[in-house]
Amino acid sequence: MTDKPIALITGGAQGIGYACAEAIAEDGARIVLADINADGAQAAAATLGGDTVAFACDMGDADQVTALFDRIEAEIGTVSILVNCAGIAITNDFLETPLEEFTSVININLVGTFVAIQRAAKSMIAAGIQGSVVNMSSVNAQIAIPTIAAYCASKGGVMQLTKSSALALAPHGIRVNAVGPGSIDTAMMAGVNADPGAMNVVMSRTPLKRMGSPREIGDVVAFLASDKASYITGETIYVDGGRLGLNYTC
């Protein structure tokens, strides 16, 4: 068990998830990483060092999510900070997208987030912990791309789930917020990085004229998880270089 607050970051093996873990660790929390990539999660935990631990978990499998919390509580303690960062995007023509593909994205990005919030909240309430949940939404909760319909639907769902769960958990002192990244320099954007034409399009719709870094998302997540955001709940903060302020796309 630990006297430090326990922060669980799903999708923590790399990219934005790892950056969230790094930022929250600097605020003094003990970090638990969960990722479907077990080797990657273990490597990330070793890089973070200290008392960081890592577990394998498929966030699209509700039973695995529940078992993850059971194991954390048995071996470490009750999670007081939950960051739902695990997510996938599959690009496909809308008319050719198989139902199974659409469902897999929804299950990981939205259903898994719901299961984790509910399970974490039950334990926080039982332990009398006024904890914090931060979900990962996207600018695509507000603006759509036809080739990633499932991703857009899932992130819009995360935005609304954030509001609903914040209202439900407010009487228990548990805050729930979300962060909506724009174009961030991660593996998900690797194809864009390699294509000058695609990068020009992204920059044309990004007022700050650069991609964001994972750590810029991690710092906002750490803020929302901290007492500095103690009167903020049910909100989505968009970290997008000004993208949503534009009234056109190129």
C-alpha atoms as a PDB file:
ATOM      1  CA  MET A   1       0.000   0.000   0.000  1.00  0.00           C
ATOM      2  CA  THR A   2       1.102   3.635  -0.412  1.00  0.00           C
ATOM      3  CA  ASP A   3       0.532   7.002   1.257  1.00  0.00           C
ATOM      4  CA  LYS A   4       0.793   8.777  -2.091  1.00  0.00           C
ATOM      5  CA  PRO A   5      -2.340   9.379  -4.166  1.00  0.00           C
ATOM      6  CA  ILE A   6      -2.639   6.586  -6.727  1.00  0.00           C
ATOM      7  CA  ALA A   7      -3.094   7.688 -10.344  1.00  0.00           C
ATOM      8  CA  LEU A   8      -4.169   5.160 -12.959  1.00  0.00           C
ATOM      9  CA  ILE A   9      -3.459   6.145 -16.555  1.00  0.00           C
ATOM     10  CA  THR A  10      -4.908   3.898 -19.246  1.00  0.00           C
ATOM     11  CA  GLY A  11      -3.154   3.873 -22.589  1.00  0.00           C
ATOM     12  CA  GLY A  12      -0.054   4.888 -20.664  1.00  0.00           C
ATOM     13  CA  ALA A  13       2.608   3.051 -22.639  1.00  0.00           C
ATOM     14  CA  GLN A  14       3.350   5.918 -24.994  1.00  0.00           C
ATOM     15  CA  GLY A  15       2.301   9.252 -26.453  1.00  0.00           C
ATOM     16  CA  ILE A  16      -0.259  11.331 -24.618  1.00  0.00           C
ATOM     17  CA  GLY A  17      -0.879   8.661 -21.974  1.00  0.00           C
ATOM     18  CA  TYR A  18       2.782   8.518 -21.027  1.00  0.00           C
ATOM     19  CA  ALA A  19       3.009  12.320 -20.975  1.00  0.00           C
ATOM     20  CA  CYS A  20       0.026  12.429 -18.594  1.00  0.00           C
ATOM     21  CA  ALA A  21       1.737   9.924 -16.318  1.00  0.00           C
ATOM     22  CA  GLU A  22       4.962  11.923 -16.353  1.00  0.00           C
ATOM     23  CA  ALA A  23       3.207  15.188 -15.459  1.00  0.00           C
ATOM     24  CA  ILE A  24       1.079  13.660 -12.693  1.00  0.00           C
ATOM     25  CA  ALA A  25       4.100  11.859 -11.238  1.00  0.00           C
ATOM     26  CA  GLU A  26       5.850  15.211 -10.914  1.00  0.00           C
ATOM     27  CA  ASP A  27       2.914  16.347  -8.770  1.00  0.00           C
ATOM     28  CA  GLY A  28       3.664  13.549  -6.310  1.00  0.00           C
ATOM     29  CA  ALA A  29       1.295  10.728  -7.253  1.00  0.00           C
ATOM     30  CA  ARG A  30       2.166   7.066  -7.520  1.00  0.00           C
ATOM     31  CA  ILE A  31       1.603   6.026 -11.109  1.00  0.00           C
ATOM     32  CA  VAL A  32      -0.091   2.891 -12.375  1.00  0.00           C
ATOM     33  CA  LEU A  33       0.073   2.409 -16.138  1.00  0.00           C
ATOM     34  CA  ALA A  34      -2.407   0.205 -17.980  1.00  0.00           C
ATOM     35  CA  ASP A  35      -2.097  -0.632 -21.653  1.00  0.00           C
ATOM     36  CA  ILE A  36      -2.947  -3.429 -24.060  1.00  0.00           C
ATOM     37  CA  ASN A  37       0.751  -3.320 -24.988  1.00  0.00           C
ATOM     38  CA  ALA A  38       2.142  -5.081 -21.921  1.00  0.00           C
ATOM     39  CA  ASP A  39       5.809  -4.796 -22.941  1.00  0.00           C
ATOM     40  CA  GLY A  40       5.407  -1.134 -23.807  1.00  0.00           C
ATOM     41  CA  ALA A  41       3.739  -0.413 -20.477  1.00  0.00           C
ATOM     42  CA  GLN A  42       6.528  -2.160 -18.587  1.00  0.00           C
ATOM     43  CA  ALA A  43       9.155  -0.201 -20.503  1.00  0.00           C
ATOM     44  CA  ALA A  44       7.310   3.060 -19.809  1.00  0.00           C
ATOM     45  CA  ALA A  45       7.115   2.208 -16.105  1.00  0.00           C
ATOM     46  CA  ALA A  46      10.846   1.540 -16.033  1.00  0.00           C
ATOM     47  CA  THR A  47      11.513   4.883 -17.710  1.00  0.00           C
ATOM     48  CA  LEU A  48       9.319   6.753 -15.222  1.00  0.00           C
ATOM     49  CA  GLY A  49      11.039   4.900 -12.409  1.00  0.00           C
ATOM     50  CA  GLY A  50      10.278   5.279  -8.735  1.00  0.00           C
ATOM     51  CA  ASP A  51       7.382   3.123  -7.645  1.00  0.00           C
ATOM     52  CA  THR A  52       5.588   3.142 -11.016  1.00  0.00           C
ATOM     53  CA  VAL A  53       3.942  -0.149 -11.930  1.00  0.00           C
ATOM     54  CA  ALA A  54       2.335  -1.389 -15.141  1.00  0.00           C
ATOM     55  CA  PHE A  55      -0.437  -3.836 -15.940  1.00  0.00           C
ATOM     56  CA  ALA A  56      -1.778  -5.221 -19.192  1.00  0.00           C
ATOM     57  CA  CYS A  57      -5.412  -4.362 -19.912  1.00  0.00           C
ATOM     58  CA  ASP A  58      -7.649  -4.287 -22.978  1.00  0.00           C
ATOM     59  CA  MET A  59      -9.996  -1.364 -22.321  1.00  0.00           C
ATOM     60  CA  GLY A  60     -12.445  -2.822 -24.824  1.00  0.00           C
ATOM     61  CA  ASP A  61     -13.030  -5.771 -22.477  1.00  0.00           C
ATOM     62  CA  ALA A  62     -15.154  -4.763 -19.475  1.00  0.00           C
ATOM     63  CA  ASP A  63     -14.099  -7.825 -17.473  1.00  0.00           C
ATOM     64  CA  GLN A  64     -10.427  -6.894 -17.890  1.00  0.00           C
ATOM     65  CA  VAL A  65     -11.127  -3.337 -16.763  1.00  0.00           C
ATOM     66  CA  THR A  66     -12.879  -4.565 -13.617  1.00  0.00           C
ATOM     67  CA  ALA A  67     -10.084  -7.052 -12.926  1.00  0.00           C
ATOM     68  CA  LEU A  68      -7.521  -4.261 -13.329  1.00  0.00           C
ATOM     69  CA  PHE A  69      -9.101  -2.266 -10.496  1.00  0.00           C
ATOM     70  CA  ASP A  70      -9.393  -5.392  -8.343  1.00  0.00           C
ATOM     71  CA  ARG A  71      -5.678  -6.041  -8.739  1.00  0.00           C
ATOM     72  CA  ILE A  72      -4.642  -2.445  -8.079  1.00  0.00           C
ATOM     73  CA  GLU A  73      -6.730  -2.333  -4.913  1.00  0.00           C
ATOM     74  CA  ALA A  74      -5.358  -5.668  -3.696  1.00  0.00           C
ATOM     75  CA  GLU A  75      -1.711  -4.825  -4.367  1.00  0.00           C
ATOM     76  CA  ILE A  76      -1.445  -1.027  -4.028  1.00  0.00           C
ATOM     77  CA  GLY A  77      -4.593   0.743  -2.840  1.00  0.00           C
ATOM     78  CA  THR A  78      -7.568   2.739  -4.071  1.00  0.00           C
ATOM     79  CA  VAL A  79      -7.207   4.852  -7.193  1.00  0.00           C
ATOM     80  CA  SER A  80      -7.887   8.527  -6.490  1.00  0.00           C
ATOM     81  CA  ILE A  81      -6.901   9.884  -9.928  1.00  0.00           C
ATOM     82  CA  LEU A  82      -8.134   8.173 -13.081  1.00  0.00           C
ATOM     83  CA  VAL A  83      -6.994   9.257 -16.526  1.00  0.00           C
ATOM     84  CA  ASN A  84      -8.868   7.518 -19.345  1.00  0.00           C
ATOM     85  CA  CYS A  85      -6.422   7.918 -22.203  1.00  0.00           C
ATOM     86  CA  ALA A  86      -6.632   4.571 -24.010  1.00  0.00           C
ATOM     87  CA  GLY A  87      -8.151   4.955 -27.448  1.00  0.00           C
ATOM     88  CA  ILE A  88      -7.940   3.957 -31.085  1.00  0.00           C
ATOM     89  CA  ALA A  89      -8.883   5.441 -34.452  1.00  0.00           C
ATOM     90  CA  ILE A  90      -9.461   3.374 -37.592  1.00  0.00           C
ATOM     91  CA  THR A  91      -9.627   5.171 -40.921  1.00  0.00           C
ATOM     92  CA  ASN A  92     -12.079   3.834 -43.482  1.00  0.00           C
ATOM     93  CA  ASP A  93     -14.591   4.960 -46.062  1.00  0.00           C
ATOM     94  CA  PHE A  94     -17.898   5.564 -44.300  1.00  0.00           C
ATOM     95  CA  LEU A  95     -19.876   3.333 -46.672  1.00  0.00           C
ATOM     96  CA  GLU A  96     -17.338   0.523 -46.378  1.00  0.00           C
ATOM     97  CA  THR A  97     -16.851   0.528 -42.599  1.00  0.00           C
ATOM     98  CA  PRO A  98     -17.780  -2.872 -41.117  1.00  0.00           C
ATOM     99  CA  LEU A  99     -19.980  -2.853 -38.031  1.00  0.00           C
ATOM    100  CA  GLU A 100     -17.332  -4.829 -36.140  1.00  0.00           C
ATOM    101  CA  GLU A 101     -14.774  -2.088 -36.803  1.00  0.00           C
ATOM    102  CA  PHE A 102     -17.160   0.654 -35.697  1.00  0.00           C
ATOM    103  CA  THR A 103     -18.054  -1.288 -32.551  1.00  0.00           C
ATOM    104  CA  SER A 104     -14.431  -1.973 -31.604  1.00  0.00           C
ATOM    105  CA  VAL A 105     -13.658   1.757 -31.593  1.00  0.00           C
ATOM    106  CA  ILE A 106     -16.765   2.547 -29.518  1.00  0.00           C
ATOM    107  CA  ASN A 107     -15.991  -0.260 -27.057  1.00  0.00           C
ATOM    108  CA  ILE A 108     -12.456   0.936 -26.354  1.00  0.00           C
ATOM    109  CA  ASN A 109     -12.921   4.697 -26.525  1.00  0.00           C
ATOM    110  CA  LEU A 110     -16.355   5.076 -24.936  1.00  0.00           C
ATOM    111  CA  VAL A 111     -17.588   1.903 -23.245  1.00  0.00           C
ATOM    112  CA  GLY A 112     -14.203   1.261 -21.628  1.00  0.00           C
ATOM    113  CA  THR A 113     -14.168   4.823 -20.330  1.00  0.00           C
ATOM    114  CA  PHE A 114     -17.628   4.363 -18.799  1.00  0.00           C
ATOM    115  CA  VAL A 115     -16.678   1.078 -17.134  1.00  0.00           C
ATOM    116  CA  ALA A 116     -13.497   2.586 -15.682  1.00  0.00           C
ATOM    117  CA  ILE A 117     -15.255   5.694 -14.337  1.00  0.00           C
ATOM    118  CA  GLN A 118     -18.021   3.657 -12.727  1.00  0.00           C
ATOM    119  CA  ARG A 119     -15.617   1.144 -11.164  1.00  0.00           C
ATOM    120  CA  ALA A 120     -13.226   3.816  -9.923  1.00  0.00           C
ATOM    121  CA  ALA A 121     -16.044   5.931  -8.486  1.00  0.00           C
ATOM    122  CA  LYS A 122     -17.526   3.043  -6.508  1.00  0.00           C
ATOM    123  CA  SER A 123     -14.204   2.480  -4.763  1.00  0.00           C
ATOM    124  CA  MET A 124     -13.570   6.193  -4.204  1.00  0.00           C
ATOM    125  CA  ILE A 125     -16.991   6.550  -2.589  1.00  0.00           C
ATOM    126  CA  ALA A 126     -16.473   3.474  -0.403  1.00  0.00           C
ATOM    127  CA  ALA A 127     -13.102   4.823   0.746  1.00  0.00           C
ATOM    128  CA  GLY A 128     -14.340   8.392   1.240  1.00  0.00           C
ATOM    129  CA  ILE A 129     -11.972   9.711  -1.430  1.00  0.00           C
ATOM    130  CA  GLN A 130     -12.870  12.933  -3.239  1.00  0.00           C
ATOM    131  CA  GLY A 131     -11.003  11.973  -6.364  1.00  0.00           C
ATOM    132  CA  SER A 132     -10.614  13.227  -9.901  1.00  0.00           C
ATOM    133  CA  VAL A 133     -11.268  11.674 -13.295  1.00  0.00           C
ATOM    134  CA  VAL A 134      -9.893  13.091 -16.545  1.00  0.00           C
ATOM    135  CA  ASN A 135     -11.129  11.642 -19.823  1.00  0.00           C
ATOM    136  CA  MET A 136      -9.528  12.021 -23.225  1.00  0.00           C
ATOM    137  CA  SER A 137     -11.939  13.507 -25.741  1.00  0.00           C
ATOM    138  CA  SER A 138     -10.874  15.287 -28.953  1.00  0.00           C
ATOM    139  CA  VAL A 139     -11.649  18.239 -31.151  1.00  0.00           C
ATOM    140  CA  ASN A 140     -13.497  15.562 -33.132  1.00  0.00           C
ATOM    141  CA  ALA A 141     -16.176  15.653 -30.460  1.00  0.00           C
ATOM    142  CA  GLN A 142     -17.110  18.956 -32.093  1.00  0.00           C
ATOM    143  CA  ILE A 143     -15.903  18.702 -35.695  1.00  0.00           C
ATOM    144  CA  ALA A 144     -16.280  15.609 -37.853  1.00  0.00           C
ATOM    145  CA  ILE A 145     -14.086  13.785 -40.353  1.00  0.00           C
ATOM    146  CA  PRO A 146     -16.014  11.356 -42.567  1.00  0.00           C
ATOM    147  CA  THR A 147     -13.314   8.679 -42.640  1.00  0.00           C
ATOM    148  CA  ILE A 148     -13.201   8.292 -38.841  1.00  0.00           C
ATOM    149  CA  ALA A 149     -16.908   8.262 -38.030  1.00  0.00           C
ATOM    150  CA  ALA A 150     -16.570   5.844 -35.123  1.00  0.00           C
ATOM    151  CA  TYR A 151     -13.795   7.901 -33.556  1.00  0.00           C
ATOM    152  CA  CYS A 152     -15.829  11.103 -33.865  1.00  0.00           C
ATOM    153  CA  ALA A 153     -18.877   9.390 -32.359  1.00  0.00           C
ATOM    154  CA  SER A 154     -16.831   7.946 -29.509  1.00  0.00           C
ATOM    155  CA  LYS A 155     -15.220  11.265 -28.607  1.00  0.00           C
ATOM    156  CA  GLY A 156     -18.546  13.091 -28.741  1.00  0.00           C
ATOM    157  CA  GLY A 157     -19.802  10.391 -26.407  1.00  0.00           C
ATOM    158  CA  VAL A 158     -16.865  10.935 -24.070  1.00  0.00           C
ATOM    159  CA  MET A 159     -17.706  14.641 -23.908  1.00  0.00           C
ATOM    160  CA  GLN A 160     -21.294  13.889 -22.864  1.00  0.00           C
ATOM    161  CA  LEU A 161     -20.272  11.040 -20.554  1.00  0.00           C
ATOM    162  CA  THR A 162     -17.954  13.500 -18.837  1.00  0.00           C
ATOM    163  CA  LYS A 163     -20.863  15.859 -18.154  1.00  0.00           C
ATOM    164  CA  SER A 164     -23.234  13.112 -17.016  1.00  0.00           C
ATOM    165  CA  SER A 165     -20.767  11.423 -14.698  1.00  0.00           C
ATOM    166  CA  ALA A 166     -19.663  14.780 -13.283  1.00  0.00           C
ATOM    167  CA  LEU A 167     -23.261  15.516 -12.278  1.00  0.00           C
ATOM    168  CA  ALA A 168     -23.752  12.038 -10.858  1.00  0.00           C
ATOM    169  CA  LEU A 169     -20.553  12.107  -8.807  1.00  0.00           C
ATOM    170  CA  ALA A 170     -20.549  15.732  -7.651  1.00  0.00           C
ATOM    171  CA  PRO A 171     -22.452  14.897  -4.429  1.00  0.00           C
ATOM    172  CA  HIS A 172     -19.527  12.634  -3.520  1.00  0.00           C
ATOM    173  CA  GLY A 173     -16.900  15.301  -4.209  1.00  0.00           C
ATOM    174  CA  ILE A 174     -15.568  13.447  -7.242  1.00  0.00           C
ATOM    175  CA  ARG A 175     -14.747  15.684 -10.194  1.00  0.00           C
ATOM    176  CA  VAL A 176     -14.887  14.519 -13.818  1.00  0.00           C
ATOM    177  CA  ASN A 177     -13.427  16.546 -16.680  1.00  0.00           C
ATOM    178  CA  ALA A 178     -12.025  15.946 -20.135  1.00  0.00           C
ATOM    179  CA  VAL A 179      -9.309  17.222 -22.429  1.00  0.00           C
ATOM    180  CA  GLY A 180      -9.862  17.530 -26.179  1.00  0.00           C
ATOM    181  CA  PRO A 181      -6.580  17.510 -28.086  1.00  0.00           C
ATOM    182  CA  GLY A 182      -6.174  18.914 -31.558  1.00  0.00           C
ATOM    183  CA  SER A 183      -3.277  17.851 -33.786  1.00  0.00           C
ATOM    184  CA  ILE A 184      -0.677  16.372 -31.453  1.00  0.00           C
ATOM    185  CA  ASP A 185       2.696  14.921 -32.441  1.00  0.00           C
ATOM    186  CA  THR A 186       2.015  11.259 -31.652  1.00  0.00           C
ATOM    187  CA  ALA A 187       2.124   7.927 -33.470  1.00  0.00           C
ATOM    188  CA  MET A 188      -1.475   8.541 -34.557  1.00  0.00           C
ATOM    189  CA  MET A 189      -0.233  11.553 -36.555  1.00  0.00           C
ATOM    190  CA  ALA A 190       2.802   9.797 -38.044  1.00  0.00           C
ATOM    191  CA  GLY A 191       1.212   9.538 -41.483  1.00  0.00           C
ATOM    192  CA  VAL A 192       0.514  13.259 -41.522  1.00  0.00           C
ATOM    193  CA  ASN A 193       4.053  14.049 -40.408  1.00  0.00           C
ATOM    194  CA  ALA A 194       5.414  12.073 -43.347  1.00  0.00           C
ATOM    195  CA  ASP A 195       3.211  13.801 -45.934  1.00  0.00           C
ATOM    196  CA  PRO A 196       4.063  17.475 -46.607  1.00  0.00           C
ATOM    197  CA  GLY A 197       0.725  18.048 -48.335  1.00  0.00           C
ATOM    198  CA  ALA A 198      -1.238  16.626 -45.432  1.00  0.00           C
ATOM    199  CA  MET A 199       0.856  18.634 -42.977  1.00  0.00           C
ATOM    200  CA  ASN A 200       0.118  21.821 -44.916  1.00  0.00           C
ATOM    201  CA  VAL A 201      -3.604  21.120 -44.572  1.00  0.00           C
ATOM    202  CA  VAL A 202      -3.244  20.574 -40.821  1.00  0.00           C
ATOM    203  CA  MET A 203      -1.247  23.782 -40.428  1.00  0.00           C
ATOM    204  CA  SER A 204      -3.791  25.741 -42.482  1.00  0.00           C
ATOM    205  CA  ARG A 205      -6.432  24.962 -39.869  1.00  0.00           C
ATOM    206  CA  THR A 206      -4.172  25.466 -36.837  1.00  0.00           C
ATOM    207  CA  PRO A 207      -3.821  29.146 -35.881  1.00  0.00           C
ATOM    208  CA  LEU A 208      -0.666  28.570 -33.810  1.00  0.00           C
ATOM    209  CA  LYS A 209       0.911  26.966 -36.915  1.00  0.00           C
ATOM    210  CA  ARG A 210       2.443  23.967 -35.197  1.00  0.00           C
ATOM    211  CA  MET A 211       1.487  20.610 -33.811  1.00  0.00           C
ATOM    212  CA  GLY A 212       1.099  20.245 -30.083  1.00  0.00           C
ATOM    213  CA  SER A 213       3.315  18.016 -27.981  1.00  0.00           C
ATOM    214  CA  PRO A 214       2.051  15.156 -25.805  1.00  0.00           C
ATOM    215  CA  ARG A 215       3.401  16.939 -22.743  1.00  0.00           C
ATOM    216  CA  GLU A 216       1.246  19.989 -23.498  1.00  0.00           C
ATOM    217  CA  ILE A 217      -1.746  17.678 -23.113  1.00  0.00           C
ATOM    218  CA  GLY A 218      -0.246  15.997 -20.060  1.00  0.00           C
ATOM    219  CA  ASP A 219       0.187  19.302 -18.257  1.00  0.00           C
ATOM    220  CA  VAL A 220      -3.486  20.205 -18.730  1.00  0.00           C
ATOM    221  CA  VAL A 221      -4.540  16.744 -17.539  1.00  0.00           C
ATOM    222  CA  ALA A 222      -2.322  17.108 -14.460  1.00  0.00           C
ATOM    223  CA  PHE A 223      -3.915  20.489 -13.733  1.00  0.00           C
ATOM    224  CA  LEU A 224      -7.440  19.063 -13.953  1.00  0.00           C
ATOM    225  CA  ALA A 225      -6.442  16.164 -11.710  1.00  0.00           C
ATOM    226  CA  SER A 226      -5.029  18.499  -9.078  1.00  0.00           C
ATOM    227  CA  ASP A 227      -6.528  20.656  -6.359  1.00  0.00           C
ATOM    228  CA  LYS A 228      -5.764  23.683  -8.534  1.00  0.00           C
ATOM    229  CA  ALA A 229      -8.873  22.690 -10.496  1.00  0.00           C
ATOM    230  CA  SER A 230     -10.964  22.005  -7.398  1.00  0.00           C
ATOM    231  CA  TYR A 231     -13.998  23.989  -8.636  1.00  0.00           C
ATOM    232  CA  ILE A 232     -13.968  22.596 -12.174  1.00  0.00           C
ATOM    233  CA  THR A 233     -16.136  19.625 -13.104  1.00  0.00           C
ATOM    234  CA  GLY A 234     -18.062  18.505 -16.168  1.00  0.00           C
ATOM    235  CA  GLU A 235     -15.864  20.533 -18.508  1.00  0.00           C
ATOM    236  CA  THR A 236     -13.886  19.701 -21.632  1.00  0.00           C
ATOM    237  CA  ILE A 237     -10.802  21.830 -22.222  1.00  0.00           C
ATOM    238  CA  TYR A 238      -9.720  21.884 -25.865  1.00  0.00           C
ATOM    239  CA  VAL A 239      -5.959  22.008 -26.335  1.00  0.00           C
ATOM    240  CA  ASP A 240      -5.891  22.541 -30.072  1.00  0.00           C
ATOM    241  CA  GLY A 241      -3.750  25.531 -31.019  1.00  0.00           C
ATOM    242  CA  GLY A 242      -6.885  27.546 -31.719  1.00  0.00           C
ATOM    243  CA  ARG A 243      -8.427  25.024 -34.147  1.00  0.00           C
ATOM    244  CA  LEU A 244     -12.027  25.227 -32.935  1.00  0.00           C
ATOM    245  CA  GLY A 245     -12.037  28.997 -33.213  1.00  0.00           C
ATOM    246  CA  LEU A 246     -11.791  28.843 -37.002  1.00  0.00           C
ATOM    247  CA  ASN A 247     -14.949  29.088 -39.111  1.00  0.00           C
ATOM    248  CA  TYR A 248     -13.467  27.321 -42.131  1.00  0.00           C
ATOM    249  CA  THR A 249     -11.327  24.371 -43.147  1.00  0.00           C
ATOM    250  CA  CYS A 250      -8.929  24.117 -46.055  1.00  0.00           C
END
